[in-house]
């Protein structure tokens, strides 16, 4: 974490040492997931400084940095904003709100880089006696990169998204070709309503997510949809969230993405009620939902019965318990060092996730 933070601050670091530390952290993450009963796991994203920031190491066109505008709900509450700043001031961390700018053509520097992380993860799993039932790797949406990394090169947003879509296609395909489920992380499809589009109309924001969904579908053209899941959220931060766009407004567009499942946050206090949208506008017959039933922003450890109840509610809305998987609302960190949950509590929360899922399965699946 400190190495990532130092590099983000422009300090020279030992890249070989960072690579070694990242590999070891990945190994530990895999071991701890398995030990705590997780059967659909990933590599913990330990070899990245942030869920989207890492692309600047693999793609051309990125340089410098800029400070993004905050979030609508944070700006609405000055006392909370000050408290948030004080809490962040003590952290040694990488910030998603100081991303690079795009000043040149975006393309993959070396296609081999797209596969390197997947190959490393695959090698680690092959050497273990205990296996995941299924394993996945994440990659960012073209929309979150386009929103966060200020465009100073392309004439239009459409051409910027098209370039990102083509570059990310290589990464998406590398993940799937190495045997993993691809999870596309798309906070932009909800979060950006109160960030980039905080002064715009709902209609303009809907236009943005339509363009992003189109770019994602283009990038997925060679991948079977059952090998892809899409994660959508309103920002992985503890805040008021009273500027969040309702799921009902964006779901008609998001649901047009050519994926086999959606990963949605239903554990947090702002969006727990929105499971009912899945009844109002059902999933396609071949799609599943990964229900966020663990809050990743609090050190409260959910009781397994709470997890089970949330899963039972989601299954009732979907109409078929076999199409509901248990998950977390988001990652416990989206950039190195920014997490709010203590590491030992993280593992306890994942253990209760597994226990709650087992309880729900016993009740729902005969």
Protein backbone atom coordinates (compact mmCIF):
# COMPACT_ATOMS: atom_id res chain seq x y z
CA UNK A 1 0.00 0.00 0.00
CA UNK A 2 2.76 2.42 0.94
CA UNK A 3 4.60 1.63 -2.28
CA UNK A 4 1.49 2.38 -4.33
CA UNK A 5 0.94 5.64 -2.44
CA UNK A 6 4.55 6.73 -2.86
CA UNK A 7 4.44 6.04 -6.58
CA UNK A 8 1.16 7.95 -6.91
CA UNK A 9 2.86 10.91 -5.22
CA UNK A 10 5.63 10.85 -7.83
CA UNK A 11 8.29 9.25 -5.67
CA UNK A 12 10.66 6.72 -7.25
CA UNK A 13 10.09 3.17 -6.01
CA UNK A 14 11.56 -0.27 -6.60
CA UNK A 15 9.15 -1.70 -9.20
CA UNK A 16 10.48 -5.24 -8.68
CA UNK A 17 9.80 -4.96 -4.96
CA UNK A 18 6.27 -3.70 -5.69
CA UNK A 19 5.62 -6.59 -8.08
CA UNK A 20 6.83 -9.10 -5.51
CA UNK A 21 4.75 -7.55 -2.74
CA UNK A 22 1.67 -7.50 -4.98
CA UNK A 23 2.13 -11.17 -5.85
CA UNK A 24 2.49 -12.15 -2.21
CA UNK A 25 -0.59 -10.11 -1.26
CA UNK A 26 -2.56 -11.86 -4.01
CA UNK A 27 -1.51 -15.26 -2.66
CA UNK A 28 -2.58 -14.30 0.85
CA UNK A 29 -5.90 -12.94 -0.39
CA UNK A 30 -6.69 -16.17 -2.21
CA UNK A 31 -5.74 -18.26 0.82
CA UNK A 32 -7.85 -16.17 3.19
CA UNK A 33 -10.89 -16.23 0.89
CA UNK A 34 -10.76 -20.01 0.69
CA UNK A 35 -10.20 -20.35 4.44
CA UNK A 36 -13.29 -18.25 5.14
CA UNK A 37 -15.63 -20.24 2.94
CA UNK A 38 -15.73 -18.08 -0.18
CA UNK A 39 -16.42 -20.30 -3.18
CA UNK A 40 -16.60 -17.63 -5.90
CA UNK A 41 -13.40 -15.67 -5.44
CA UNK A 42 -10.95 -13.40 -7.16
CA UNK A 43 -7.37 -12.21 -6.77
CA UNK A 44 -8.18 -9.35 -4.43
CA UNK A 45 -6.93 -6.81 -7.01
CA UNK A 46 -3.72 -6.69 -5.00
CA UNK A 47 -1.57 -6.02 -8.07
CA UNK A 48 -3.30 -2.71 -8.83
CA UNK A 49 -3.20 0.67 -7.14
CA UNK A 50 -6.89 1.23 -7.86
CA UNK A 51 -9.79 -0.42 -9.59
CA UNK A 52 -9.32 1.74 -12.71
CA UNK A 53 -6.14 3.77 -12.09
CA UNK A 54 -3.94 0.82 -13.03
CA UNK A 55 -4.82 1.20 -16.72
CA UNK A 56 -2.34 4.07 -17.00
CA UNK A 57 0.42 1.46 -16.51
CA UNK A 58 -0.89 -0.73 -19.33
CA UNK A 59 -2.19 1.79 -21.86
CA UNK A 60 -0.69 4.77 -23.64
CA UNK A 61 -2.14 8.27 -23.61
CA UNK A 62 -2.26 8.98 -19.87
CA UNK A 63 -0.15 11.62 -18.14
CA UNK A 64 -0.14 14.01 -15.20
CA UNK A 65 -3.14 14.29 -12.91
CA UNK A 66 -6.05 16.56 -12.10
CA UNK A 67 -8.45 16.98 -9.20
CA UNK A 68 -11.98 15.78 -9.83
CA UNK A 69 -14.97 17.62 -8.45
CA UNK A 70 -16.22 15.96 -5.27
CA UNK A 71 -19.69 14.42 -4.99
CA UNK A 72 -23.06 16.13 -4.82
CA UNK A 73 -24.03 14.68 -1.48
CA UNK A 74 -20.65 15.51 0.08
CA UNK A 75 -20.90 19.12 -1.11
CA UNK A 76 -24.42 19.38 0.31
CA UNK A 77 -23.19 18.80 3.87
CA UNK A 78 -20.17 21.03 4.71
CA UNK A 79 -19.70 19.60 8.20
CA UNK A 80 -19.62 16.09 6.82
CA UNK A 81 -17.21 17.19 4.08
CA UNK A 82 -14.84 18.57 6.72
CA UNK A 83 -15.08 15.37 8.76
CA UNK A 84 -14.35 13.34 5.64
CA UNK A 85 -11.27 15.47 4.90
CA UNK A 86 -9.94 14.99 8.44
CA UNK A 87 -10.38 11.23 8.19
CA UNK A 88 -8.64 11.09 4.81
CA UNK A 89 -5.80 13.32 6.00
CA UNK A 90 -4.29 10.57 8.14
CA UNK A 91 -4.32 7.97 5.39
CA UNK A 92 -1.36 6.79 3.36
CA UNK A 93 -3.36 6.03 0.27
CA UNK A 94 -4.02 6.43 -3.45
CA UNK A 95 -6.94 8.69 -4.37
CA UNK A 96 -9.41 7.94 -7.15
CA UNK A 97 -10.12 11.68 -7.21
CA UNK A 98 -6.61 12.57 -8.41
CA UNK A 99 -6.61 10.53 -11.63
CA UNK A 100 -4.46 11.05 -14.72
CA UNK A 101 -5.47 13.10 -17.75
CA UNK A 102 -5.65 11.72 -21.29
CA UNK A 103 -3.29 13.67 -23.51
CA UNK A 104 -2.65 11.17 -26.31
CA UNK A 105 -4.01 8.15 -28.12
CA UNK A 106 -5.32 5.45 -25.79
CA UNK A 107 -4.20 1.96 -26.77
CA UNK A 108 -2.70 -1.08 -25.13
CA UNK A 109 1.08 -0.74 -24.94
CA UNK A 110 1.64 -4.49 -25.05
CA UNK A 111 -1.20 -7.02 -25.38
CA UNK A 112 0.76 -9.36 -23.10
CA UNK A 113 0.13 -6.95 -20.24
CA UNK A 114 -3.58 -7.63 -20.58
CA UNK A 115 -3.06 -11.30 -19.75
CA UNK A 116 -0.27 -11.10 -17.18
CA UNK A 117 -2.47 -10.63 -14.12
CA UNK A 118 -4.87 -13.37 -15.23
CA UNK A 119 -2.01 -15.80 -15.86
CA UNK A 120 -0.53 -15.06 -12.44
CA UNK A 121 -3.89 -15.74 -10.78
CA UNK A 122 -4.45 -18.90 -12.81
CA UNK A 123 -1.02 -20.22 -11.83
CA UNK A 124 -1.74 -19.53 -8.16
CA UNK A 125 -5.06 -21.39 -8.30
CA UNK A 126 -3.56 -24.35 -10.14
CA UNK A 127 -1.13 -24.94 -7.28
CA UNK A 128 -3.83 -25.15 -4.60
CA UNK A 129 -5.64 -28.26 -3.42
CA UNK A 130 -8.70 -26.30 -2.31
CA UNK A 131 -10.39 -24.64 -5.27
CA UNK A 132 -12.96 -21.95 -5.86
CA UNK A 133 -16.16 -23.20 -7.47
CA UNK A 134 -15.75 -20.27 -9.83
CA UNK A 135 -13.19 -17.48 -10.10
CA UNK A 136 -13.45 -14.00 -11.55
CA UNK A 137 -11.33 -11.00 -12.36
CA UNK A 138 -12.44 -7.40 -12.61
CA UNK A 139 -11.82 -4.70 -15.20
CA UNK A 140 -13.19 -1.16 -15.37
CA UNK A 141 -15.92 0.22 -17.56
CA UNK A 142 -14.84 2.58 -20.36
CA UNK A 143 -17.27 5.03 -18.77
CA UNK A 144 -15.50 5.32 -15.43
CA UNK A 145 -12.18 5.98 -17.17
CA UNK A 146 -13.78 8.53 -19.50
CA UNK A 147 -15.44 10.26 -16.54
CA UNK A 148 -12.44 10.26 -14.22
CA UNK A 149 -9.53 10.77 -16.62
CA UNK A 150 -9.99 14.21 -18.13
CA UNK A 151 -10.03 14.14 -21.93
CA UNK A 152 -7.51 16.55 -23.45
CA UNK A 153 -6.93 14.63 -26.68
CA UNK A 154 -10.13 13.39 -28.36
CA UNK A 155 -12.51 15.71 -30.16
CA UNK A 156 -15.64 14.08 -28.77
CA UNK A 157 -16.71 11.93 -25.85
CA UNK A 158 -17.83 9.30 -28.36
CA UNK A 159 -14.36 8.97 -29.89
CA UNK A 160 -12.81 8.83 -26.42
CA UNK A 161 -15.21 6.06 -25.38
CA UNK A 162 -14.55 4.19 -28.62
CA UNK A 163 -10.79 4.23 -28.00
CA UNK A 164 -11.26 3.04 -24.43
CA UNK A 165 -13.67 0.34 -25.57
CA UNK A 166 -11.13 -1.06 -28.03
CA UNK A 167 -8.29 -0.96 -25.50
CA UNK A 168 -10.38 -2.59 -22.79
CA UNK A 169 -11.57 -5.26 -25.23
CA UNK A 170 -8.09 -6.78 -25.07
CA UNK A 171 -8.25 -6.94 -21.29
CA UNK A 172 -11.80 -8.28 -21.20
CA UNK A 173 -10.93 -11.03 -23.67
CA UNK A 174 -7.69 -11.91 -21.87
CA UNK A 175 -9.58 -12.47 -18.63
CA UNK A 176 -12.17 -14.73 -20.24
CA UNK A 177 -9.64 -16.56 -22.43
CA UNK A 178 -7.74 -17.51 -19.28
CA UNK A 179 -10.80 -19.20 -17.86
CA UNK A 180 -12.21 -16.52 -15.58
CA UNK A 181 -15.55 -14.79 -15.29
CA UNK A 182 -15.18 -11.12 -16.22
CA UNK A 183 -16.69 -8.58 -13.84
CA UNK A 184 -16.90 -5.11 -15.36
CA UNK A 185 -16.88 -2.46 -12.64
CA UNK A 186 -19.24 0.36 -13.66
CA UNK A 187 -19.79 2.87 -10.87
CA UNK A 188 -20.07 5.48 -13.61
CA UNK A 189 -23.53 4.21 -14.51
CA UNK A 190 -24.86 5.49 -11.17
CA UNK A 191 -22.18 7.50 -9.34
CA UNK A 192 -21.56 9.99 -12.14
CA UNK A 193 -25.11 11.34 -11.81
CA UNK A 194 -23.93 13.27 -8.73
CA UNK A 195 -20.35 13.84 -9.90
CA UNK A 196 -19.83 14.65 -13.60
CA UNK A 197 -23.54 15.24 -14.21
CA UNK A 198 -24.44 16.94 -10.93
CA UNK A 199 -25.59 20.09 -12.75
CA UNK A 200 -27.24 18.29 -15.66
CA UNK A 201 -30.68 16.78 -16.18
CA UNK A 202 -31.58 13.14 -15.71
CA UNK A 203 -32.09 12.96 -19.47
CA UNK A 204 -28.51 14.01 -20.18
CA UNK A 205 -27.20 11.48 -17.69
CA UNK A 206 -29.32 8.75 -19.25
CA UNK A 207 -27.78 9.70 -22.59
CA UNK A 208 -24.33 9.21 -21.07
CA UNK A 209 -25.09 5.75 -19.73
CA UNK A 210 -26.61 4.78 -23.07
CA UNK A 211 -23.30 5.68 -24.74
CA UNK A 212 -21.33 3.74 -22.14
CA UNK A 213 -23.52 0.64 -22.45
CA UNK A 214 -23.04 0.78 -26.22
CA UNK A 215 -19.26 1.03 -25.75
CA UNK A 216 -19.27 -1.93 -23.36
CA UNK A 217 -21.37 -4.05 -25.71
CA UNK A 218 -18.91 -3.28 -28.51
CA UNK A 219 -15.99 -4.34 -26.32
CA UNK A 220 -17.79 -7.59 -25.46
CA UNK A 221 -18.54 -8.58 -29.03
CA UNK A 222 -16.29 -11.67 -28.92
CA UNK A 223 -17.26 -12.86 -25.43
CA UNK A 224 -20.25 -15.09 -24.56
CA UNK A 225 -22.52 -13.10 -22.28
CA UNK A 226 -22.68 -15.86 -19.67
CA UNK A 227 -18.98 -15.20 -18.98
CA UNK A 228 -19.59 -11.57 -17.98
CA UNK A 229 -21.12 -9.79 -15.00
CA UNK A 230 -21.57 -6.07 -14.50
CA UNK A 231 -21.15 -4.30 -11.17
CA UNK A 232 -22.99 -1.00 -10.78
CA UNK A 233 -22.85 1.19 -7.66
CA UNK A 234 -23.26 4.75 -6.43
CA UNK A 235 -19.71 5.18 -5.14
CA UNK A 236 -17.86 3.15 -2.53
CA UNK A 237 -17.72 5.75 0.21
CA UNK A 238 -19.53 6.32 3.48
CA UNK A 239 -21.59 9.43 2.88
CA UNK A 240 -25.16 10.76 2.84
CA UNK A 241 -25.89 9.30 -0.63
CA UNK A 242 -29.09 11.33 -0.78
CA UNK A 243 -28.18 12.54 -4.28
CA UNK A 244 -28.01 8.99 -5.66
CA UNK A 245 -30.05 8.44 -8.79
CA UNK A 246 -32.73 5.78 -8.12
CA UNK A 247 -32.05 2.37 -9.62
CA UNK A 248 -35.49 2.48 -11.24
CA UNK A 249 -34.39 5.39 -13.46
CA UNK A 250 -31.23 3.76 -14.79
CA UNK A 251 -32.15 0.08 -14.81
CA UNK A 252 -33.96 0.13 -18.20
CA UNK A 253 -30.68 1.19 -19.87
CA UNK A 254 -28.26 -0.80 -17.71
CA UNK A 255 -30.25 -3.98 -18.26
CA UNK A 256 -29.54 -3.72 -22.01
CA UNK A 257 -25.88 -4.57 -21.45
CA UNK A 258 -24.93 -7.89 -23.03
CA UNK A 259 -23.94 -9.63 -19.80
CA UNK A 260 -25.00 -12.74 -17.95
CA UNK A 261 -25.50 -11.10 -14.60
CA UNK A 262 -25.50 -7.95 -12.52
CA UNK A 263 -23.76 -7.24 -9.22
CA UNK A 264 -25.79 -4.70 -7.26
CA UNK A 265 -25.40 -3.23 -3.74
CA UNK A 266 -28.40 -4.04 -1.56
CA UNK A 267 -26.79 -4.14 1.90
CA UNK A 268 -26.39 -0.39 2.39
CA UNK A 269 -29.07 1.77 3.95
CA UNK A 270 -29.76 3.85 0.82
CA UNK A 271 -30.44 1.10 -1.71
CA UNK A 272 -31.58 -1.97 0.24
CA UNK A 273 -35.19 -1.35 -0.80
CA UNK A 274 -34.40 -1.33 -4.51
CA UNK A 275 -34.43 -5.10 -4.86
CA UNK A 276 -38.06 -4.62 -5.87
CA UNK A 277 -36.91 -3.14 -9.18
CA UNK A 278 -35.94 -6.69 -10.16
CA UNK A 279 -39.60 -7.68 -9.92
CA UNK A 280 -40.87 -4.58 -11.73
CA UNK A 281 -38.45 -5.05 -14.63
CA UNK A 282 -37.22 -8.65 -14.50
CA UNK A 283 -33.87 -10.00 -15.56
CA UNK A 284 -33.65 -11.80 -18.88
CA UNK A 285 -34.25 -15.54 -18.56
CA UNK A 286 -30.53 -16.33 -18.85
CA UNK A 287 -29.32 -13.72 -16.36
CA UNK A 288 -28.48 -13.88 -12.66
CA UNK A 289 -28.11 -11.33 -9.87
CA UNK A 290 -25.21 -11.15 -7.44
CA UNK A 291 -26.87 -9.45 -4.49
CA UNK A 292 -24.73 -7.24 -2.31
CA UNK A 293 -25.66 -8.43 1.19
CA UNK A 294 -22.53 -7.29 3.06
CA UNK A 295 -21.87 -3.59 3.66
CA UNK A 296 -18.20 -2.88 2.89
CA UNK A 297 -18.15 0.53 4.59
CA UNK A 298 -18.86 -0.41 8.20
CA UNK A 299 -17.07 -2.53 10.78
CA UNK A 300 -20.37 -3.99 11.93
CA UNK A 301 -20.24 -7.72 11.19
CA UNK A 302 -23.58 -8.77 9.76
CA UNK A 303 -25.24 -11.74 11.45
CA UNK A 304 -25.57 -14.76 9.15
CA UNK A 305 -29.34 -14.57 9.64
CA UNK A 306 -29.33 -11.00 8.31
CA UNK A 307 -27.39 -12.14 5.25
CA UNK A 308 -29.82 -15.03 4.74
CA UNK A 309 -32.86 -12.76 5.07
CA UNK A 310 -31.46 -10.36 2.48
CA UNK A 311 -30.85 -13.22 0.07
CA UNK A 312 -34.34 -14.60 0.66
CA UNK A 313 -35.82 -11.19 -0.10
CA UNK A 314 -33.83 -10.91 -3.30
CA UNK A 315 -34.82 -14.43 -4.36
CA UNK A 316 -38.48 -13.50 -3.86
CA UNK A 317 -38.09 -10.45 -6.10
CA UNK A 318 -36.22 -12.37 -8.81
CA UNK A 319 -38.59 -15.32 -8.56
CA UNK A 320 -35.93 -18.03 -8.68
CA UNK A 321 -33.39 -18.63 -5.89
CA UNK A 322 -31.05 -20.47 -8.24
CA UNK A 323 -30.46 -17.18 -10.05
CA UNK A 324 -29.28 -15.32 -6.94
CA UNK A 325 -25.69 -15.35 -5.69
CA UNK A 326 -24.42 -13.76 -2.48
CA UNK A 327 -21.88 -10.97 -2.72
CA UNK A 328 -20.62 -7.78 -1.14
CA UNK A 329 -21.85 -4.31 -2.01
CA UNK A 330 -18.49 -3.42 -3.56
CA UNK A 331 -14.80 -3.97 -2.85
CA UNK A 332 -13.46 -3.27 0.63
CA UNK A 333 -10.99 -0.95 -1.09
CA UNK A 334 -11.31 0.72 -4.49
CA UNK A 335 -7.85 2.26 -4.30
CA UNK A 336 -4.91 1.30 -2.13
CA UNK A 337 -5.27 2.44 1.47
CA UNK A 338 -8.73 4.01 1.23
CA UNK A 339 -10.70 1.21 2.90
CA UNK A 340 -12.63 1.90 6.10
CA UNK A 341 -12.94 -1.66 7.40
CA UNK A 342 -10.16 -3.26 9.46
CA UNK A 343 -8.54 -6.22 7.73
CA UNK A 344 -9.47 -8.76 10.40
CA UNK A 345 -13.07 -7.54 10.26
CA UNK A 346 -13.07 -7.92 6.46
CA UNK A 347 -12.37 -11.62 6.79
CA UNK A 348 -15.02 -12.00 9.48
CA UNK A 349 -17.57 -10.29 7.22
CA UNK A 350 -16.69 -12.62 4.35
CA UNK A 351 -17.03 -15.60 6.68
CA UNK A 352 -20.52 -14.46 7.67
CA UNK A 353 -21.32 -13.98 3.97
CA UNK A 354 -20.56 -17.66 3.39
CA UNK A 355 -22.52 -18.72 6.48
CA UNK A 356 -25.54 -16.63 5.55
CA UNK A 357 -25.52 -17.93 1.97
CA UNK A 358 -25.48 -21.49 3.29
CA UNK A 359 -28.50 -20.78 5.49
CA UNK A 360 -30.43 -19.21 2.61
CA UNK A 361 -29.59 -22.12 0.31
CA UNK A 362 -30.83 -24.64 2.87
CA UNK A 363 -34.15 -22.83 3.11
CA UNK A 364 -34.69 -21.93 -0.52
CA UNK A 365 -33.24 -24.74 -2.59
CA UNK A 366 -34.81 -28.12 -1.98
